[in-house]
């Protein structure tokens, strides 16, 4: 089993992924963790981290993966997951921008080669996530993909979300 958690910066993907990884006894592969480990804030460093993420997507072993789910690399992530021939549940986490901004106050940012206008980035990511939901980008019945839309508007209360995800995985 593979679970892909996608959502905006600060939506709670890593927190939810950590809880699920512990409960389901699966490794968590988080894009920010890979940036800390493999990236040095350069374009080649970013692609080194992305390469490691793609390897995990393509791997035959089960895991929990998390990244924003947007941008030009989402197509490669989707293809790598399809090529893994593993059942994949895609969980989209939608959070209110104000809640996200509160969470991001204390975030330790990984090395990143691009400057980030946070307010603009949050709006662009949210827009693309919603477009992908409308177009059903992440759905693929051949691979048993599931899309679960969760509105996580509470600051750090993930218990209900974990319960919903586990029910959907049954």
C-alpha atoms as a PDB file:
ATOM      1  CA  UNK A   1       0.000   0.000   0.000  1.00  0.00           C
ATOM      2  CA  UNK A   2       1.097   3.537  -0.772  1.00  0.00           C
ATOM      3  CA  UNK A   3      -0.481   6.709   0.489  1.00  0.00           C
ATOM      4  CA  UNK A   4       0.241  10.040  -1.162  1.00  0.00           C
ATOM      5  CA  UNK A   5      -0.575  13.082   0.964  1.00  0.00           C
ATOM      6  CA  UNK A   6      -0.860  16.300  -0.996  1.00  0.00           C
ATOM      7  CA  UNK A   7      -1.777  19.782   0.099  1.00  0.00           C
ATOM      8  CA  UNK A   8      -0.596  23.304   0.573  1.00  0.00           C
ATOM      9  CA  UNK A   9       2.507  24.352   2.462  1.00  0.00           C
ATOM     10  CA  UNK A  10       1.661  23.962   6.152  1.00  0.00           C
ATOM     11  CA  UNK A  11      -1.565  22.012   5.558  1.00  0.00           C
ATOM     12  CA  UNK A  12      -0.443  19.282   7.964  1.00  0.00           C
ATOM     13  CA  UNK A  13       0.881  16.692   5.492  1.00  0.00           C
ATOM     14  CA  UNK A  14       4.010  15.841   7.487  1.00  0.00           C
ATOM     15  CA  UNK A  15       2.187  15.765  10.825  1.00  0.00           C
ATOM     16  CA  UNK A  16      -0.559  13.527   9.442  1.00  0.00           C
ATOM     17  CA  UNK A  17       1.994  11.416   7.553  1.00  0.00           C
ATOM     18  CA  UNK A  18       4.049  10.872  10.717  1.00  0.00           C
ATOM     19  CA  UNK A  19       1.015   9.659  12.654  1.00  0.00           C
ATOM     20  CA  UNK A  20      -0.090   7.368   9.812  1.00  0.00           C
ATOM     21  CA  UNK A  21       3.447   6.019   9.360  1.00  0.00           C
ATOM     22  CA  UNK A  22       3.615   5.128  13.035  1.00  0.00           C
ATOM     23  CA  UNK A  23       0.149   3.541  13.131  1.00  0.00           C
ATOM     24  CA  UNK A  24       0.474   1.665   9.823  1.00  0.00           C
ATOM     25  CA  UNK A  25       4.155   0.750  10.283  1.00  0.00           C
ATOM     26  CA  UNK A  26       5.126   2.280   6.937  1.00  0.00           C
ATOM     27  CA  UNK A  27       8.040   4.596   6.190  1.00  0.00           C
ATOM     28  CA  UNK A  28       7.296   8.269   5.582  1.00  0.00           C
ATOM     29  CA  UNK A  29       8.967   9.946   2.604  1.00  0.00           C
ATOM     30  CA  UNK A  30       8.467  13.701   2.938  1.00  0.00           C
ATOM     31  CA  UNK A  31       9.753  16.100   0.286  1.00  0.00           C
ATOM     32  CA  UNK A  32      10.940  18.645   2.870  1.00  0.00           C
ATOM     33  CA  UNK A  33      12.878  15.922   4.719  1.00  0.00           C
ATOM     34  CA  UNK A  34      14.559  14.986   1.438  1.00  0.00           C
ATOM     35  CA  UNK A  35      15.415  18.641   0.836  1.00  0.00           C
ATOM     36  CA  UNK A  36      17.083  18.809   4.254  1.00  0.00           C
ATOM     37  CA  UNK A  37      19.012  15.630   3.500  1.00  0.00           C
ATOM     38  CA  UNK A  38      19.941  16.005  -0.192  1.00  0.00           C
ATOM     39  CA  UNK A  39      19.523  19.626  -1.198  1.00  0.00           C
ATOM     40  CA  UNK A  40      21.886  22.506  -0.639  1.00  0.00           C
ATOM     41  CA  UNK A  41      19.611  25.270  -1.857  1.00  0.00           C
ATOM     42  CA  UNK A  42      20.693  24.934  -5.488  1.00  0.00           C
ATOM     43  CA  UNK A  43      18.803  23.706  -8.542  1.00  0.00           C
ATOM     44  CA  UNK A  44      20.924  20.500  -8.692  1.00  0.00           C
ATOM     45  CA  UNK A  45      20.296  20.012  -4.958  1.00  0.00           C
ATOM     46  CA  UNK A  46      16.543  20.392  -5.466  1.00  0.00           C
ATOM     47  CA  UNK A  47      16.651  17.814  -8.254  1.00  0.00           C
ATOM     48  CA  UNK A  48      18.687  15.478  -6.065  1.00  0.00           C
ATOM     49  CA  UNK A  49      15.929  15.598  -3.441  1.00  0.00           C
ATOM     50  CA  UNK A  50      13.267  15.190  -6.127  1.00  0.00           C
ATOM     51  CA  UNK A  51      15.136  12.198  -7.581  1.00  0.00           C
ATOM     52  CA  UNK A  52      15.016  10.477  -4.175  1.00  0.00           C
ATOM     53  CA  UNK A  53      11.290  11.211  -3.976  1.00  0.00           C
ATOM     54  CA  UNK A  54      10.730   9.717  -7.432  1.00  0.00           C
ATOM     55  CA  UNK A  55      12.632   6.587  -6.439  1.00  0.00           C
ATOM     56  CA  UNK A  56      10.304   6.141  -3.463  1.00  0.00           C
ATOM     57  CA  UNK A  57       7.248   6.715  -5.686  1.00  0.00           C
ATOM     58  CA  UNK A  58       8.462   4.076  -8.132  1.00  0.00           C
ATOM     59  CA  UNK A  59       9.588   1.569  -5.487  1.00  0.00           C
ATOM     60  CA  UNK A  60       7.623  -1.654  -5.006  1.00  0.00           C
ATOM     61  CA  UNK A  61       7.492  -1.252  -1.227  1.00  0.00           C
ATOM     62  CA  UNK A  62       4.648   0.423   0.578  1.00  0.00           C
ATOM     63  CA  UNK A  63       5.173   3.857   2.088  1.00  0.00           C
ATOM     64  CA  UNK A  64       3.574   7.164   2.868  1.00  0.00           C
ATOM     65  CA  UNK A  65       4.654   9.975   0.564  1.00  0.00           C
ATOM     66  CA  UNK A  66       3.998  13.661   0.940  1.00  0.00           C
ATOM     67  CA  UNK A  67       4.555  16.735  -1.193  1.00  0.00           C
ATOM     68  CA  UNK A  68       2.449  19.672  -2.338  1.00  0.00           C
ATOM     69  CA  UNK A  69       0.995  17.746  -5.289  1.00  0.00           C
ATOM     70  CA  UNK A  70       1.334  20.698  -7.632  1.00  0.00           C
ATOM     71  CA  UNK A  71       3.780  22.048 -10.163  1.00  0.00           C
ATOM     72  CA  UNK A  72       5.393  20.534 -13.209  1.00  0.00           C
ATOM     73  CA  UNK A  73       6.701  17.467 -11.343  1.00  0.00           C
ATOM     74  CA  UNK A  74       3.263  16.193 -10.339  1.00  0.00           C
ATOM     75  CA  UNK A  75       3.052  14.452 -13.725  1.00  0.00           C
ATOM     76  CA  UNK A  76       6.301  12.569 -13.050  1.00  0.00           C
ATOM     77  CA  UNK A  77       5.165  11.667  -9.538  1.00  0.00           C
ATOM     78  CA  UNK A  78       1.896  10.293 -10.906  1.00  0.00           C
ATOM     79  CA  UNK A  79       3.719   8.267 -13.596  1.00  0.00           C
ATOM     80  CA  UNK A  80       6.245   6.866 -11.079  1.00  0.00           C
ATOM     81  CA  UNK A  81       3.390   5.810  -8.784  1.00  0.00           C
ATOM     82  CA  UNK A  82       1.580   4.141 -11.689  1.00  0.00           C
ATOM     83  CA  UNK A  83       4.785   2.353 -12.711  1.00  0.00           C
ATOM     84  CA  UNK A  84       5.203   1.000  -9.161  1.00  0.00           C
ATOM     85  CA  UNK A  85       2.091  -1.161  -9.721  1.00  0.00           C
ATOM     86  CA  UNK A  86       1.136  -0.589  -6.072  1.00  0.00           C
ATOM     87  CA  UNK A  87      -2.300   0.451  -4.925  1.00  0.00           C
ATOM     88  CA  UNK A  88      -2.141   4.167  -4.156  1.00  0.00           C
ATOM     89  CA  UNK A  89      -4.523   6.207  -2.058  1.00  0.00           C
ATOM     90  CA  UNK A  90      -4.217   9.911  -2.736  1.00  0.00           C
ATOM     91  CA  UNK A  91      -5.288  12.155   0.118  1.00  0.00           C
ATOM     92  CA  UNK A  92      -5.761  15.837  -0.628  1.00  0.00           C
ATOM     93  CA  UNK A  93      -5.675  18.017   2.476  1.00  0.00           C
ATOM     94  CA  UNK A  94      -7.333  21.399   2.086  1.00  0.00           C
ATOM     95  CA  UNK A  95      -6.693  23.895   4.879  1.00  0.00           C
ATOM     96  CA  UNK A  96      -7.754  27.484   5.356  1.00  0.00           C
ATOM     97  CA  UNK A  97      -4.993  29.948   4.448  1.00  0.00           C
ATOM     98  CA  UNK A  98      -5.259  31.728   7.828  1.00  0.00           C
ATOM     99  CA  UNK A  99      -4.745  28.433   9.683  1.00  0.00           C
ATOM    100  CA  UNK A 100      -1.761  27.631   7.461  1.00  0.00           C
ATOM    101  CA  UNK A 101      -0.149  31.015   8.157  1.00  0.00           C
ATOM    102  CA  UNK A 102      -0.422  30.400  11.918  1.00  0.00           C
ATOM    103  CA  UNK A 103       1.247  26.989  11.520  1.00  0.00           C
ATOM    104  CA  UNK A 104       4.061  28.411   9.386  1.00  0.00           C
ATOM    105  CA  UNK A 105       5.244  30.921  11.993  1.00  0.00           C
ATOM    106  CA  UNK A 106       7.611  28.363  13.541  1.00  0.00           C
ATOM    107  CA  UNK A 107       8.363  26.249  10.461  1.00  0.00           C
ATOM    108  CA  UNK A 108      11.990  25.390   9.848  1.00  0.00           C
ATOM    109  CA  UNK A 109      12.400  25.765   6.085  1.00  0.00           C
ATOM    110  CA  UNK A 110      14.524  23.326   4.090  1.00  0.00           C
ATOM    111  CA  UNK A 111      17.126  24.571   1.598  1.00  0.00           C
ATOM    112  CA  UNK A 112      15.327  25.778  -1.513  1.00  0.00           C
ATOM    113  CA  UNK A 113      16.762  27.373  -4.660  1.00  0.00           C
ATOM    114  CA  UNK A 114      13.884  29.804  -5.234  1.00  0.00           C
ATOM    115  CA  UNK A 115      12.794  32.812  -3.260  1.00  0.00           C
ATOM    116  CA  UNK A 116       9.326  32.355  -1.888  1.00  0.00           C
ATOM    117  CA  UNK A 117       6.580  34.970  -1.715  1.00  0.00           C
ATOM    118  CA  UNK A 118       4.584  32.962   0.807  1.00  0.00           C
ATOM    119  CA  UNK A 119       1.213  34.692   0.394  1.00  0.00           C
ATOM    120  CA  UNK A 120       1.352  34.314  -3.394  1.00  0.00           C
ATOM    121  CA  UNK A 121       2.640  30.719  -3.177  1.00  0.00           C
ATOM    122  CA  UNK A 122      -0.174  29.659  -0.823  1.00  0.00           C
ATOM    123  CA  UNK A 123      -2.824  31.059  -3.172  1.00  0.00           C
ATOM    124  CA  UNK A 124      -1.245  29.521  -6.294  1.00  0.00           C
ATOM    125  CA  UNK A 125      -0.917  26.081  -4.677  1.00  0.00           C
ATOM    126  CA  UNK A 126      -4.502  26.192  -3.393  1.00  0.00           C
ATOM    127  CA  UNK A 127      -5.780  27.164  -6.850  1.00  0.00           C
ATOM    128  CA  UNK A 128      -3.892  24.316  -8.568  1.00  0.00           C
ATOM    129  CA  UNK A 129      -5.009  21.760  -5.964  1.00  0.00           C
ATOM    130  CA  UNK A 130      -8.634  22.726  -6.558  1.00  0.00           C
ATOM    131  CA  UNK A 131      -8.182  22.613 -10.353  1.00  0.00           C
ATOM    132  CA  UNK A 132      -6.687  19.129 -10.065  1.00  0.00           C
ATOM    133  CA  UNK A 133      -9.608  17.987  -7.912  1.00  0.00           C
ATOM    134  CA  UNK A 134     -12.072  19.357 -10.462  1.00  0.00           C
ATOM    135  CA  UNK A 135     -10.240  17.662 -13.347  1.00  0.00           C
ATOM    136  CA  UNK A 136      -9.724  14.453 -11.297  1.00  0.00           C
ATOM    137  CA  UNK A 137      -6.013  14.569 -12.052  1.00  0.00           C
ATOM    138  CA  UNK A 138      -5.016  12.142  -9.281  1.00  0.00           C
ATOM    139  CA  UNK A 139      -7.768   9.603  -9.942  1.00  0.00           C
ATOM    140  CA  UNK A 140      -6.937   6.473 -11.875  1.00  0.00           C
ATOM    141  CA  UNK A 141      -9.238   3.492 -11.440  1.00  0.00           C
ATOM    142  CA  UNK A 142      -6.694   1.116 -12.971  1.00  0.00           C
ATOM    143  CA  UNK A 143      -4.404   1.651 -10.009  1.00  0.00           C
ATOM    144  CA  UNK A 144      -7.158   1.912  -7.433  1.00  0.00           C
ATOM    145  CA  UNK A 145      -6.414   5.543  -6.653  1.00  0.00           C
ATOM    146  CA  UNK A 146      -8.710   7.180  -4.167  1.00  0.00           C
ATOM    147  CA  UNK A 147      -9.045  10.868  -3.545  1.00  0.00           C
ATOM    148  CA  UNK A 148     -10.123  11.958  -0.095  1.00  0.00           C
ATOM    149  CA  UNK A 149     -10.812  15.641   0.347  1.00  0.00           C
ATOM    150  CA  UNK A 150     -10.283  16.796   3.887  1.00  0.00           C
ATOM    151  CA  UNK A 151     -10.819  20.289   5.190  1.00  0.00           C
ATOM    152  CA  UNK A 152      -8.343  20.661   8.009  1.00  0.00           C
ATOM    153  CA  UNK A 153      -9.290  23.969   9.568  1.00  0.00           C
ATOM    154  CA  UNK A 154      -8.237  23.305  13.128  1.00  0.00           C
ATOM    155  CA  UNK A 155      -4.760  24.317  14.097  1.00  0.00           C
ATOM    156  CA  UNK A 156      -3.224  21.028  15.149  1.00  0.00           C
ATOM    157  CA  UNK A 157      -6.064  18.566  15.715  1.00  0.00           C
ATOM    158  CA  UNK A 158      -5.377  15.736  13.292  1.00  0.00           C
ATOM    159  CA  UNK A 159      -7.191  12.906  15.136  1.00  0.00           C
ATOM    160  CA  UNK A 160     -10.391  13.244  13.107  1.00  0.00           C
ATOM    161  CA  UNK A 161      -8.436  13.405   9.854  1.00  0.00           C
ATOM    162  CA  UNK A 162      -6.442  10.267  10.713  1.00  0.00           C
ATOM    163  CA  UNK A 163      -9.699   8.455  11.509  1.00  0.00           C
ATOM    164  CA  UNK A 164     -11.245   9.498   8.179  1.00  0.00           C
ATOM    165  CA  UNK A 165      -8.153   8.430   6.220  1.00  0.00           C
ATOM    166  CA  UNK A 166      -7.987   5.030   7.917  1.00  0.00           C
ATOM    167  CA  UNK A 167     -11.690   4.437   7.202  1.00  0.00           C
ATOM    168  CA  UNK A 168     -11.156   5.307   3.548  1.00  0.00           C
ATOM    169  CA  UNK A 169      -8.235   2.856   3.302  1.00  0.00           C
ATOM    170  CA  UNK A 170     -10.353  -0.122   4.391  1.00  0.00           C
END
